[in-house]
Amino acid sequence: MPAPVPDSTPEQAAGEQPATAPPATAPIDQVDDTVPTIRATVSEVNVVFTVTDKHNHYVKDLKENDFKILDNNQPPAQIRSFSSETNLPLQVGLLIDASNSIRERFKFEQDSAIEFLGQTIRPRSDSAFVIGFDESPEVTQDFTDDTEALSRGVRAMRPGGGTALYDAIYYASRDKLLKHTSKGATRRAIVLLSDGEDNQSHVTREEAIDMAQRAEVIIYTISTNITGSRGKGDKVLTRIADATGGCAFFPFQINDVANAFAEIQDELRSQYALSYKPADFKPDGQYHTIQIAAVTHKDMHVRSRRGYYAPSK
């Protein structure tokens, strides 16, 4: 297992032509700043997290009292719920860099992505969508639990053009995951295949991360860099994964791409979720840090998103 990074649009029916995403490229000052940042109630925070031991194996049998939670360095007023996430429904966005920069391994990456979706998405429980991006994000398959339709969405992509990586994350988080309604609790994840380079986006990296945090999305990044050495783009992928509680993978050998997908699939079935009421909550739009530690077990590493934005009045 690779080491973890350090501490409402109508649905597109299967078979429809891919639709270019509505612009995720609006300047940040034009974005609706009343977008909900916390689900359930205005004073309840939901967070999904992963626990690994010193050998980097997933730990799945811990209880609520094994953890210490701090919100802006304060214990929460109340833990509302705690659960193991093995069976909680998933909403997954698969984002694939279709720019010229990843042409060499594109076919193999498509095959690995299709296998991942087929093994991860459970009918009548989970759902996923597929976005390819070069100069702009393009939805090639909207939310569905039909893995054949998802496969066609992946196959519909053709490499070419520049790279609007940050726009793709921003759009997938805001216009797909944040606006997609679901019954009951669910988890939201993005799996991103890219070299981390961006030369076309209208939003910045931090604006894209901010929107992912607002949507409570965990982002897993898989680097398509085949140079054998870490570059600027790999640092970007690490930053995106780290900020959202995900993990960055760097499969320099082509066969390792499938292994990275397998690790993500395993992690998605090995998580915990809790919701809590902050001790000093104010609807002021400010950023709150989240810290979770396994206090009753030595050598346990907890990985979660770093924080959230409270809603504004």
C-alpha atoms as a PDB file:
ATOM      1  CA  MET A   1       0.000   0.000   0.000  1.00  0.00           C
ATOM      2  CA  PRO A   2       1.516   3.378  -0.912  1.00  0.00           C
ATOM      3  CA  ALA A   3       2.165   5.635   2.044  1.00  0.00           C
ATOM      4  CA  PRO A   4      -0.627   8.171   2.624  1.00  0.00           C
ATOM      5  CA  VAL A   5       0.099  11.810   2.009  1.00  0.00           C
ATOM      6  CA  PRO A   6       1.194  13.703   5.137  1.00  0.00           C
ATOM      7  CA  ASP A   7      -0.632  14.944   8.047  1.00  0.00           C
ATOM      8  CA  SER A   8     -29.384  20.423 -10.533  1.00  0.00           C
ATOM      9  CA  THR A   9     -28.569  19.143 -13.654  1.00  0.00           C
ATOM     10  CA  PRO A  10     -30.829  16.419 -15.146  1.00  0.00           C
ATOM     11  CA  GLU A  11     -29.097  13.075 -15.181  1.00  0.00           C
ATOM     12  CA  GLN A  12     -27.794  11.950 -18.562  1.00  0.00           C
ATOM     13  CA  ALA A  13     -29.312   8.685 -19.695  1.00  0.00           C
ATOM     14  CA  ALA A  14     -26.989   5.918 -20.773  1.00  0.00           C
ATOM     15  CA  GLY A  15     -26.324   6.224 -24.461  1.00  0.00           C
ATOM     16  CA  GLU A  16     -26.814   9.993 -24.662  1.00  0.00           C
ATOM     17  CA  GLN A  17     -24.112  12.036 -26.308  1.00  0.00           C
ATOM     18  CA  PRO A  18     -21.528  13.449 -23.908  1.00  0.00           C
ATOM     19  CA  ALA A  19     -22.404  16.921 -22.710  1.00  0.00           C
ATOM     20  CA  THR A  20     -19.893  19.673 -22.200  1.00  0.00           C
ATOM     21  CA  ALA A  21     -20.067  20.744 -18.588  1.00  0.00           C
ATOM     22  CA  PRO A  22     -21.618  24.099 -17.801  1.00  0.00           C
ATOM     23  CA  PRO A  23     -18.734  26.472 -17.164  1.00  0.00           C
ATOM     24  CA  ALA A  24     -16.900  25.740 -13.977  1.00  0.00           C
ATOM     25  CA  THR A  25     -14.798  28.642 -15.078  1.00  0.00           C
ATOM     26  CA  ALA A  26     -16.773  31.487 -13.547  1.00  0.00           C
ATOM     27  CA  PRO A  27     -14.572  33.794 -11.479  1.00  0.00           C
ATOM     28  CA  ILE A  28     -14.702  32.901  -7.826  1.00  0.00           C
ATOM     29  CA  ASP A  29     -16.439  36.175  -6.965  1.00  0.00           C
ATOM     30  CA  GLN A  30     -19.364  35.112  -9.130  1.00  0.00           C
ATOM     31  CA  VAL A  31     -19.869  31.833  -7.307  1.00  0.00           C
ATOM     32  CA  ASP A  32     -22.844  31.586  -4.967  1.00  0.00           C
ATOM     33  CA  ASP A  33     -21.234  31.942  -1.555  1.00  0.00           C
ATOM     34  CA  THR A  34     -24.302  30.503   0.149  1.00  0.00           C
ATOM     35  CA  VAL A  35     -23.415  27.030  -1.122  1.00  0.00           C
ATOM     36  CA  PRO A  36     -24.006  24.659   1.803  1.00  0.00           C
ATOM     37  CA  THR A  37     -20.802  23.614   3.513  1.00  0.00           C
ATOM     38  CA  ILE A  38     -22.285  21.386   6.201  1.00  0.00           C
ATOM     39  CA  ARG A  39     -24.955  18.768   5.598  1.00  0.00           C
ATOM     40  CA  ALA A  40     -27.855  17.845   7.913  1.00  0.00           C
ATOM     41  CA  THR A  41     -28.130  21.005  10.050  1.00  0.00           C
ATOM     42  CA  VAL A  42     -26.197  24.245  10.156  1.00  0.00           C
ATOM     43  CA  SER A  43     -24.511  23.171  13.392  1.00  0.00           C
ATOM     44  CA  GLU A  44     -23.559  19.600  12.450  1.00  0.00           C
ATOM     45  CA  VAL A  45     -20.279  18.625  10.836  1.00  0.00           C
ATOM     46  CA  ASN A  46     -19.835  15.363   8.929  1.00  0.00           C
ATOM     47  CA  VAL A  47     -16.390  13.889   8.400  1.00  0.00           C
ATOM     48  CA  VAL A  48     -15.156  10.628   6.872  1.00  0.00           C
ATOM     49  CA  PHE A  49     -11.719   9.348   7.861  1.00  0.00           C
ATOM     50  CA  THR A  50      -9.303   6.451   7.441  1.00  0.00           C
ATOM     51  CA  VAL A  51      -7.153   4.758  10.083  1.00  0.00           C
ATOM     52  CA  THR A  52      -3.945   2.823   9.345  1.00  0.00           C
ATOM     53  CA  ASP A  53      -1.438   1.087  11.621  1.00  0.00           C
ATOM     54  CA  LYS A  54       2.351   1.381  11.583  1.00  0.00           C
ATOM     55  CA  HIS A  55       2.471  -1.120   8.717  1.00  0.00           C
ATOM     56  CA  ASN A  56       0.023   1.025   6.741  1.00  0.00           C
ATOM     57  CA  HIS A  57      -2.748  -1.575   7.011  1.00  0.00           C
ATOM     58  CA  TYR A  58      -6.321  -0.389   7.424  1.00  0.00           C
ATOM     59  CA  VAL A  59      -7.765  -0.595  10.942  1.00  0.00           C
ATOM     60  CA  LYS A  60     -11.508  -1.228  10.787  1.00  0.00           C
ATOM     61  CA  ASP A  61     -12.627  -2.224  14.298  1.00  0.00           C
ATOM     62  CA  LEU A  62     -12.201   0.920  16.418  1.00  0.00           C
ATOM     63  CA  LYS A  63     -14.988   2.502  18.458  1.00  0.00           C
ATOM     64  CA  GLU A  64     -16.072   6.074  19.094  1.00  0.00           C
ATOM     65  CA  ASN A  65     -14.207   6.296  22.406  1.00  0.00           C
ATOM     66  CA  ASP A  66     -10.949   5.358  20.663  1.00  0.00           C
ATOM     67  CA  PHE A  67     -10.830   8.784  19.035  1.00  0.00           C
ATOM     68  CA  LYS A  68     -10.279  12.379  20.058  1.00  0.00           C
ATOM     69  CA  ILE A  69     -11.816  15.063  17.841  1.00  0.00           C
ATOM     70  CA  LEU A  70     -10.942  18.756  17.859  1.00  0.00           C
ATOM     71  CA  ASP A  71     -12.758  21.499  15.947  1.00  0.00           C
ATOM     72  CA  ASN A  72     -10.660  24.671  15.895  1.00  0.00           C
ATOM     73  CA  ASN A  73      -8.681  23.074  18.751  1.00  0.00           C
ATOM     74  CA  GLN A  74     -11.814  22.555  20.865  1.00  0.00           C
ATOM     75  CA  PRO A  75     -13.590  19.281  21.680  1.00  0.00           C
ATOM     76  CA  PRO A  76     -17.051  19.129  20.103  1.00  0.00           C
ATOM     77  CA  ALA A  77     -20.102  19.829  22.221  1.00  0.00           C
ATOM     78  CA  GLN A  78     -21.644  16.529  21.151  1.00  0.00           C
ATOM     79  CA  ILE A  79     -20.903  13.516  18.947  1.00  0.00           C
ATOM     80  CA  ARG A  80     -24.114  12.977  17.004  1.00  0.00           C
ATOM     81  CA  SER A  81     -23.204   9.740  15.227  1.00  0.00           C
ATOM     82  CA  PHE A  82     -20.313   7.346  14.652  1.00  0.00           C
ATOM     83  CA  SER A  83     -20.153   4.430  12.249  1.00  0.00           C
ATOM     84  CA  SER A  84     -17.963   2.172  10.185  1.00  0.00           C
ATOM     85  CA  GLU A  85     -18.283   3.043   6.524  1.00  0.00           C
ATOM     86  CA  THR A  86     -17.950  -0.373   4.955  1.00  0.00           C
ATOM     87  CA  ASN A  87     -21.503  -0.373   3.613  1.00  0.00           C
ATOM     88  CA  LEU A  88     -22.400   3.312   3.386  1.00  0.00           C
ATOM     89  CA  PRO A  89     -23.447   4.334  -0.160  1.00  0.00           C
ATOM     90  CA  LEU A  90     -20.839   5.958  -2.367  1.00  0.00           C
ATOM     91  CA  GLN A  91     -21.030   8.813  -4.839  1.00  0.00           C
ATOM     92  CA  VAL A  92     -17.896   8.721  -6.971  1.00  0.00           C
ATOM     93  CA  GLY A  93     -16.674  11.124  -9.600  1.00  0.00           C
ATOM     94  CA  LEU A  94     -14.048   9.758 -11.992  1.00  0.00           C
ATOM     95  CA  LEU A  95     -12.043  12.616 -13.521  1.00  0.00           C
ATOM     96  CA  ILE A  96      -9.617  11.717 -16.299  1.00  0.00           C
ATOM     97  CA  ASP A  97      -7.084  14.086 -17.804  1.00  0.00           C
ATOM     98  CA  ALA A  98      -7.626  13.808 -21.563  1.00  0.00           C
ATOM     99  CA  SER A  99      -5.016  16.388 -22.545  1.00  0.00           C
ATOM    100  CA  ASN A 100      -2.132  15.691 -24.895  1.00  0.00           C
ATOM    101  CA  SER A 101       0.261  15.361 -21.955  1.00  0.00           C
ATOM    102  CA  ILE A 102      -1.072  11.928 -20.938  1.00  0.00           C
ATOM    103  CA  ARG A 103      -1.453  10.360 -24.407  1.00  0.00           C
ATOM    104  CA  GLU A 104       1.160   7.611 -23.938  1.00  0.00           C
ATOM    105  CA  ARG A 105      -0.697   5.652 -21.241  1.00  0.00           C
ATOM    106  CA  PHE A 106      -4.246   6.718 -21.986  1.00  0.00           C
ATOM    107  CA  LYS A 107      -5.629   3.354 -23.152  1.00  0.00           C
ATOM    108  CA  PHE A 108      -4.240   1.453 -20.163  1.00  0.00           C
ATOM    109  CA  GLU A 109      -5.568   4.075 -17.766  1.00  0.00           C
ATOM    110  CA  GLN A 110      -9.013   3.787 -19.342  1.00  0.00           C
ATOM    111  CA  ASP A 111      -8.945   0.013 -18.872  1.00  0.00           C
ATOM    112  CA  SER A 112      -7.888   0.353 -15.223  1.00  0.00           C
ATOM    113  CA  ALA A 113     -10.578   2.956 -14.547  1.00  0.00           C
ATOM    114  CA  ILE A 114     -13.283   0.736 -16.052  1.00  0.00           C
ATOM    115  CA  GLU A 115     -12.174  -2.209 -13.917  1.00  0.00           C
ATOM    116  CA  PHE A 116     -12.240   0.009 -10.810  1.00  0.00           C
ATOM    117  CA  LEU A 117     -15.785   1.188 -11.494  1.00  0.00           C
ATOM    118  CA  GLY A 118     -16.964  -2.344 -12.185  1.00  0.00           C
ATOM    119  CA  GLN A 119     -15.588  -3.614  -8.884  1.00  0.00           C
ATOM    120  CA  THR A 120     -16.540  -0.601  -6.751  1.00  0.00           C
ATOM    121  CA  ILE A 121     -20.018   0.558  -7.787  1.00  0.00           C
ATOM    122  CA  ARG A 122     -22.804  -1.541  -6.264  1.00  0.00           C
ATOM    123  CA  PRO A 123     -26.172  -1.490  -8.073  1.00  0.00           C
ATOM    124  CA  ARG A 124     -28.998   0.270  -6.221  1.00  0.00           C
ATOM    125  CA  SER A 125     -26.555   1.549  -3.598  1.00  0.00           C
ATOM    126  CA  ASP A 126     -23.703   3.492  -5.195  1.00  0.00           C
ATOM    127  CA  SER A 127     -23.507   5.817  -8.180  1.00  0.00           C
ATOM    128  CA  ALA A 128     -20.759   7.398 -10.229  1.00  0.00           C
ATOM    129  CA  PHE A 129     -20.179   9.859 -13.042  1.00  0.00           C
ATOM    130  CA  VAL A 130     -17.343  10.299 -15.522  1.00  0.00           C
ATOM    131  CA  ILE A 131     -15.701  13.541 -16.615  1.00  0.00           C
ATOM    132  CA  GLY A 132     -12.924  13.931 -19.140  1.00  0.00           C
ATOM    133  CA  PHE A 133     -11.072  17.224 -19.265  1.00  0.00           C
ATOM    134  CA  ASP A 134      -8.640  18.996 -21.534  1.00  0.00           C
ATOM    135  CA  GLU A 135      -9.368  22.709 -22.109  1.00  0.00           C
ATOM    136  CA  SER A 136     -12.660  22.247 -20.225  1.00  0.00           C
ATOM    137  CA  PRO A 137     -14.499  19.506 -18.301  1.00  0.00           C
ATOM    138  CA  GLU A 138     -16.874  17.310 -20.301  1.00  0.00           C
ATOM    139  CA  VAL A 139     -19.400  14.933 -18.733  1.00  0.00           C
ATOM    140  CA  THR A 140     -19.235  11.701 -20.716  1.00  0.00           C
ATOM    141  CA  GLN A 141     -21.553   9.860 -18.306  1.00  0.00           C
ATOM    142  CA  ASP A 142     -23.725  11.374 -15.598  1.00  0.00           C
ATOM    143  CA  PHE A 143     -24.657   9.742 -12.275  1.00  0.00           C
ATOM    144  CA  THR A 144     -25.598   6.090 -12.705  1.00  0.00           C
ATOM    145  CA  ASP A 145     -25.090   2.701 -11.082  1.00  0.00           C
ATOM    146  CA  ASP A 146     -24.903   1.079 -14.536  1.00  0.00           C
ATOM    147  CA  THR A 147     -21.268   0.042 -14.908  1.00  0.00           C
ATOM    148  CA  GLU A 148     -21.690  -0.627 -18.634  1.00  0.00           C
ATOM    149  CA  ALA A 149     -22.819   2.968 -19.144  1.00  0.00           C
ATOM    150  CA  LEU A 150     -19.880   4.168 -17.047  1.00  0.00           C
ATOM    151  CA  SER A 151     -17.545   2.068 -19.176  1.00  0.00           C
ATOM    152  CA  ARG A 152     -18.895   3.700 -22.329  1.00  0.00           C
ATOM    153  CA  GLY A 153     -18.354   7.086 -20.709  1.00  0.00           C
ATOM    154  CA  VAL A 154     -14.694   6.285 -20.120  1.00  0.00           C
ATOM    155  CA  ARG A 155     -14.255   4.925 -23.651  1.00  0.00           C
ATOM    156  CA  ALA A 156     -15.827   8.069 -25.136  1.00  0.00           C
ATOM    157  CA  MET A 157     -12.783  10.163 -24.204  1.00  0.00           C
ATOM    158  CA  ARG A 158     -10.090  11.055 -26.701  1.00  0.00           C
ATOM    159  CA  PRO A 159      -6.828  12.733 -25.678  1.00  0.00           C
ATOM    160  CA  GLY A 160      -6.017  16.171 -27.003  1.00  0.00           C
ATOM    161  CA  GLY A 161      -5.714  19.848 -26.095  1.00  0.00           C
ATOM    162  CA  GLY A 162      -4.655  21.737 -22.979  1.00  0.00           C
ATOM    163  CA  THR A 163      -5.416  21.029 -19.333  1.00  0.00           C
ATOM    164  CA  ALA A 164      -8.056  22.637 -17.104  1.00  0.00           C
ATOM    165  CA  LEU A 165      -7.465  20.463 -14.047  1.00  0.00           C
ATOM    166  CA  TYR A 166      -8.695  22.918 -11.409  1.00  0.00           C
ATOM    167  CA  ASP A 167     -11.839  23.750 -13.363  1.00  0.00           C
ATOM    168  CA  ALA A 168     -12.644  20.024 -13.554  1.00  0.00           C
ATOM    169  CA  ILE A 169     -12.340  19.559  -9.780  1.00  0.00           C
ATOM    170  CA  TYR A 170     -14.351  22.719  -9.131  1.00  0.00           C
ATOM    171  CA  TYR A 171     -17.133  21.713 -11.504  1.00  0.00           C
ATOM    172  CA  ALA A 172     -17.322  18.101 -10.283  1.00  0.00           C
ATOM    173  CA  SER A 173     -17.488  19.236  -6.656  1.00  0.00           C
ATOM    174  CA  ARG A 174     -19.968  22.081  -7.059  1.00  0.00           C
ATOM    175  CA  ASP A 175     -22.223  21.118  -9.948  1.00  0.00           C
ATOM    176  CA  LYS A 176     -22.239  17.343  -9.553  1.00  0.00           C
ATOM    177  CA  LEU A 177     -21.530  16.187  -5.995  1.00  0.00           C
ATOM    178  CA  LEU A 178     -22.724  19.174  -3.975  1.00  0.00           C
ATOM    179  CA  LYS A 179     -25.962  19.551  -5.931  1.00  0.00           C
ATOM    180  CA  HIS A 180     -26.729  15.845  -6.247  1.00  0.00           C
ATOM    181  CA  THR A 181     -29.374  14.921  -3.690  1.00  0.00           C
ATOM    182  CA  SER A 182     -29.380  11.567  -1.950  1.00  0.00           C
ATOM    183  CA  LYS A 183     -31.522   9.808   0.616  1.00  0.00           C
ATOM    184  CA  GLY A 184     -29.715   9.342   3.904  1.00  0.00           C
ATOM    185  CA  ALA A 185     -26.007   9.429   4.635  1.00  0.00           C
ATOM    186  CA  THR A 186     -23.534   8.955   1.815  1.00  0.00           C
ATOM    187  CA  ARG A 187     -19.856   9.397   1.057  1.00  0.00           C
ATOM    188  CA  ARG A 188     -18.473  11.524  -1.736  1.00  0.00           C
ATOM    189  CA  ALA A 189     -15.187  10.834  -3.475  1.00  0.00           C
ATOM    190  CA  ILE A 190     -13.333  11.936  -6.580  1.00  0.00           C
ATOM    191  CA  VAL A 191     -10.716   9.762  -8.259  1.00  0.00           C
ATOM    192  CA  LEU A 192      -8.472  11.962 -10.379  1.00  0.00           C
ATOM    193  CA  LEU A 193      -6.042  10.749 -13.049  1.00  0.00           C
ATOM    194  CA  SER A 194      -3.713  13.531 -14.147  1.00  0.00           C
ATOM    195  CA  ASP A 195      -0.108  14.659 -14.342  1.00  0.00           C
ATOM    196  CA  GLY A 196      -1.040  17.608 -12.123  1.00  0.00           C
ATOM    197  CA  GLU A 197      -0.243  20.234 -14.732  1.00  0.00           C
ATOM    198  CA  ASP A 198      -2.776  22.991 -15.461  1.00  0.00           C
ATOM    199  CA  ASN A 199      -2.629  25.616 -18.200  1.00  0.00           C
ATOM    200  CA  GLN A 200      -6.282  26.403 -18.963  1.00  0.00           C
ATOM    201  CA  SER A 201      -8.262  26.831 -15.726  1.00  0.00           C
ATOM    202  CA  HIS A 202     -10.099  29.972 -14.705  1.00  0.00           C
ATOM    203  CA  VAL A 203     -10.111  29.036 -11.019  1.00  0.00           C
ATOM    204  CA  THR A 204      -7.010  28.472  -8.931  1.00  0.00           C
ATOM    205  CA  ARG A 205      -5.854  25.325  -7.216  1.00  0.00           C
ATOM    206  CA  GLU A 206      -6.907  26.628  -3.805  1.00  0.00           C
ATOM    207  CA  GLU A 207     -10.343  27.651  -5.115  1.00  0.00           C
ATOM    208  CA  ALA A 208     -10.808  24.114  -6.447  1.00  0.00           C
ATOM    209  CA  ILE A 209      -9.764  22.643  -3.089  1.00  0.00           C
ATOM    210  CA  ASP A 210     -12.097  25.049  -1.284  1.00  0.00           C
ATOM    211  CA  MET A 211     -15.062  23.870  -3.352  1.00  0.00           C
ATOM    212  CA  ALA A 212     -14.167  20.220  -2.748  1.00  0.00           C
ATOM    213  CA  GLN A 213     -14.104  20.895   0.989  1.00  0.00           C
ATOM    214  CA  ARG A 214     -17.480  22.637   0.782  1.00  0.00           C
ATOM    215  CA  ALA A 215     -18.860  19.543  -0.950  1.00  0.00           C
ATOM    216  CA  GLU A 216     -17.249  17.246   1.663  1.00  0.00           C
ATOM    217  CA  VAL A 217     -15.396  15.369  -1.074  1.00  0.00           C
ATOM    218  CA  ILE A 218     -12.377  13.128  -0.539  1.00  0.00           C
ATOM    219  CA  ILE A 219     -10.039  13.305  -3.545  1.00  0.00           C
ATOM    220  CA  TYR A 220      -7.714  10.457  -4.517  1.00  0.00           C
ATOM    221  CA  THR A 221      -5.109  11.394  -7.103  1.00  0.00           C
ATOM    222  CA  ILE A 222      -3.251   9.048  -9.442  1.00  0.00           C
ATOM    223  CA  SER A 223      -0.289  10.601 -11.212  1.00  0.00           C
ATOM    224  CA  THR A 224       0.187   9.957 -14.923  1.00  0.00           C
ATOM    225  CA  ASN A 225       3.766  11.249 -14.775  1.00  0.00           C
ATOM    226  CA  ILE A 226       6.062   8.625 -16.298  1.00  0.00           C
ATOM    227  CA  THR A 227       9.377  10.483 -16.049  1.00  0.00           C
ATOM    228  CA  GLY A 228      10.488   8.489 -13.003  1.00  0.00           C
ATOM    229  CA  SER A 229      11.009  11.593 -10.866  1.00  0.00           C
ATOM    230  CA  ARG A 230       8.646  13.815  -8.908  1.00  0.00           C
ATOM    231  CA  GLY A 231       7.771  17.043 -10.682  1.00  0.00           C
ATOM    232  CA  LYS A 232       5.739  20.172 -10.018  1.00  0.00           C
ATOM    233  CA  GLY A 233       2.527  18.425 -11.006  1.00  0.00           C
ATOM    234  CA  ASP A 234       3.075  15.657  -8.471  1.00  0.00           C
ATOM    235  CA  LYS A 235       3.309  18.259  -5.711  1.00  0.00           C
ATOM    236  CA  VAL A 236      -0.032  19.646  -6.869  1.00  0.00           C
ATOM    237  CA  LEU A 237      -1.624  16.190  -6.726  1.00  0.00           C
ATOM    238  CA  THR A 238      -0.251  15.673  -3.215  1.00  0.00           C
ATOM    239  CA  ARG A 239      -1.625  19.022  -2.063  1.00  0.00           C
ATOM    240  CA  ILE A 240      -5.115  18.266  -3.448  1.00  0.00           C
ATOM    241  CA  ALA A 241      -5.266  14.819  -1.826  1.00  0.00           C
ATOM    242  CA  ASP A 242      -3.832  16.035   1.480  1.00  0.00           C
ATOM    243  CA  ALA A 243      -6.291  18.916   1.832  1.00  0.00           C
ATOM    244  CA  THR A 244      -9.334  16.695   1.274  1.00  0.00           C
ATOM    245  CA  GLY A 245      -8.342  13.629   3.303  1.00  0.00           C
ATOM    246  CA  GLY A 246      -7.472  11.493   0.298  1.00  0.00           C
ATOM    247  CA  CYS A 247      -4.258   9.872  -0.844  1.00  0.00           C
ATOM    248  CA  ALA A 248      -1.839  10.522  -3.706  1.00  0.00           C
ATOM    249  CA  PHE A 249      -0.447   7.654  -5.782  1.00  0.00           C
ATOM    250  CA  PHE A 250       2.571   7.817  -8.080  1.00  0.00           C
ATOM    251  CA  PRO A 251       2.609   4.699 -10.285  1.00  0.00           C
ATOM    252  CA  PHE A 252       5.733   5.181 -12.400  1.00  0.00           C
ATOM    253  CA  GLN A 253       5.302   1.691 -13.868  1.00  0.00           C
ATOM    254  CA  ILE A 254       2.235   1.314 -16.050  1.00  0.00           C
ATOM    255  CA  ASN A 255       0.985  -1.810 -14.252  1.00  0.00           C
ATOM    256  CA  ASP A 256       0.984   0.094 -10.959  1.00  0.00           C
ATOM    257  CA  VAL A 257      -1.954   2.190 -12.174  1.00  0.00           C
ATOM    258  CA  ALA A 258      -4.282  -0.773 -11.642  1.00  0.00           C
ATOM    259  CA  ASN A 259      -2.747  -1.313  -8.203  1.00  0.00           C
ATOM    260  CA  ALA A 260      -3.497   2.305  -7.274  1.00  0.00           C
ATOM    261  CA  PHE A 261      -7.149   1.848  -8.244  1.00  0.00           C
ATOM    262  CA  ALA A 262      -7.269  -1.343  -6.158  1.00  0.00           C
ATOM    263  CA  GLU A 263      -5.889   0.514  -3.123  1.00  0.00           C
ATOM    264  CA  ILE A 264      -8.532   3.215  -3.495  1.00  0.00           C
ATOM    265  CA  GLN A 265     -11.275   0.613  -3.778  1.00  0.00           C
ATOM    266  CA  ASP A 266     -10.037  -1.047  -0.574  1.00  0.00           C
ATOM    267  CA  GLU A 267      -9.867   2.240   1.301  1.00  0.00           C
ATOM    268  CA  LEU A 268     -13.382   3.243   0.309  1.00  0.00           C
ATOM    269  CA  ARG A 269     -14.610   0.111   2.117  1.00  0.00           C
ATOM    270  CA  SER A 270     -12.426   0.665   5.198  1.00  0.00           C
ATOM    271  CA  GLN A 271     -13.459   4.072   6.498  1.00  0.00           C
ATOM    272  CA  TYR A 272     -15.247   5.611   9.465  1.00  0.00           C
ATOM    273  CA  ALA A 273     -17.731   8.467   9.601  1.00  0.00           C
ATOM    274  CA  LEU A 274     -18.821  10.705  12.415  1.00  0.00           C
ATOM    275  CA  SER A 275     -20.968  13.766  12.810  1.00  0.00           C
ATOM    276  CA  TYR A 276     -20.637  16.236  15.633  1.00  0.00           C
ATOM    277  CA  LYS A 277     -21.862  19.553  16.954  1.00  0.00           C
ATOM    278  CA  PRO A 278     -19.023  22.083  17.338  1.00  0.00           C
ATOM    279  CA  ALA A 279     -18.625  23.667  20.762  1.00  0.00           C
ATOM    280  CA  ASP A 280     -18.465  27.223  19.471  1.00  0.00           C
ATOM    281  CA  PHE A 281     -20.271  27.256  16.156  1.00  0.00           C
ATOM    282  CA  LYS A 282     -20.999  30.528  14.396  1.00  0.00           C
ATOM    283  CA  PRO A 283     -22.521  30.900  10.900  1.00  0.00           C
ATOM    284  CA  ASP A 284     -19.740  33.289   9.900  1.00  0.00           C
ATOM    285  CA  GLY A 285     -18.315  31.631   6.792  1.00  0.00           C
ATOM    286  CA  GLN A 286     -14.984  31.056   8.515  1.00  0.00           C
ATOM    287  CA  TYR A 287     -12.683  28.079   8.036  1.00  0.00           C
ATOM    288  CA  HIS A 288     -12.586  25.526  10.868  1.00  0.00           C
ATOM    289  CA  THR A 289      -9.748  23.033  11.310  1.00  0.00           C
ATOM    290  CA  ILE A 290     -10.522  19.383  12.040  1.00  0.00           C
ATOM    291  CA  GLN A 291      -8.140  17.116  13.955  1.00  0.00           C
ATOM    292  CA  ILE A 292      -8.840  13.456  14.708  1.00  0.00           C
ATOM    293  CA  ALA A 293      -6.490  11.173  16.634  1.00  0.00           C
ATOM    294  CA  ALA A 294      -6.687   7.540  17.754  1.00  0.00           C
ATOM    295  CA  VAL A 295      -5.807   8.070  21.416  1.00  0.00           C
ATOM    296  CA  THR A 296      -6.236   4.544  22.791  1.00  0.00           C
ATOM    297  CA  HIS A 297      -3.937   2.811  20.310  1.00  0.00           C
ATOM    298  CA  LYS A 298      -0.272   3.479  19.611  1.00  0.00           C
ATOM    299  CA  ASP A 299       1.098   3.936  16.117  1.00  0.00           C
ATOM    300  CA  MET A 300      -2.276   4.640  14.535  1.00  0.00           C
ATOM    301  CA  HIS A 301      -2.470   7.226  11.765  1.00  0.00           C
ATOM    302  CA  VAL A 302      -5.776   9.002  11.108  1.00  0.00           C
ATOM    303  CA  ARG A 303      -6.314  10.711   7.761  1.00  0.00           C
ATOM    304  CA  SER A 304      -9.242  13.061   7.147  1.00  0.00           C
ATOM    305  CA  ARG A 305      -9.973  16.348   5.451  1.00  0.00           C
ATOM    306  CA  ARG A 306      -8.209  19.217   7.166  1.00  0.00           C
ATOM    307  CA  GLY A 307     -11.263  21.374   7.792  1.00  0.00           C
ATOM    308  CA  TYR A 308     -14.463  22.931   6.504  1.00  0.00           C
ATOM    309  CA  TYR A 309     -16.105  26.274   5.881  1.00  0.00           C
ATOM    310  CA  ALA A 310     -19.005  27.209   8.113  1.00  0.00           C
ATOM    311  CA  PRO A 311     -22.011  28.638   6.275  1.00  0.00           C
ATOM    312  CA  SER A 312     -22.599  32.364   6.214  1.00  0.00           C
ATOM    313  CA  LYS A 313     -25.724  33.957   7.622  1.00  0.00           C
END
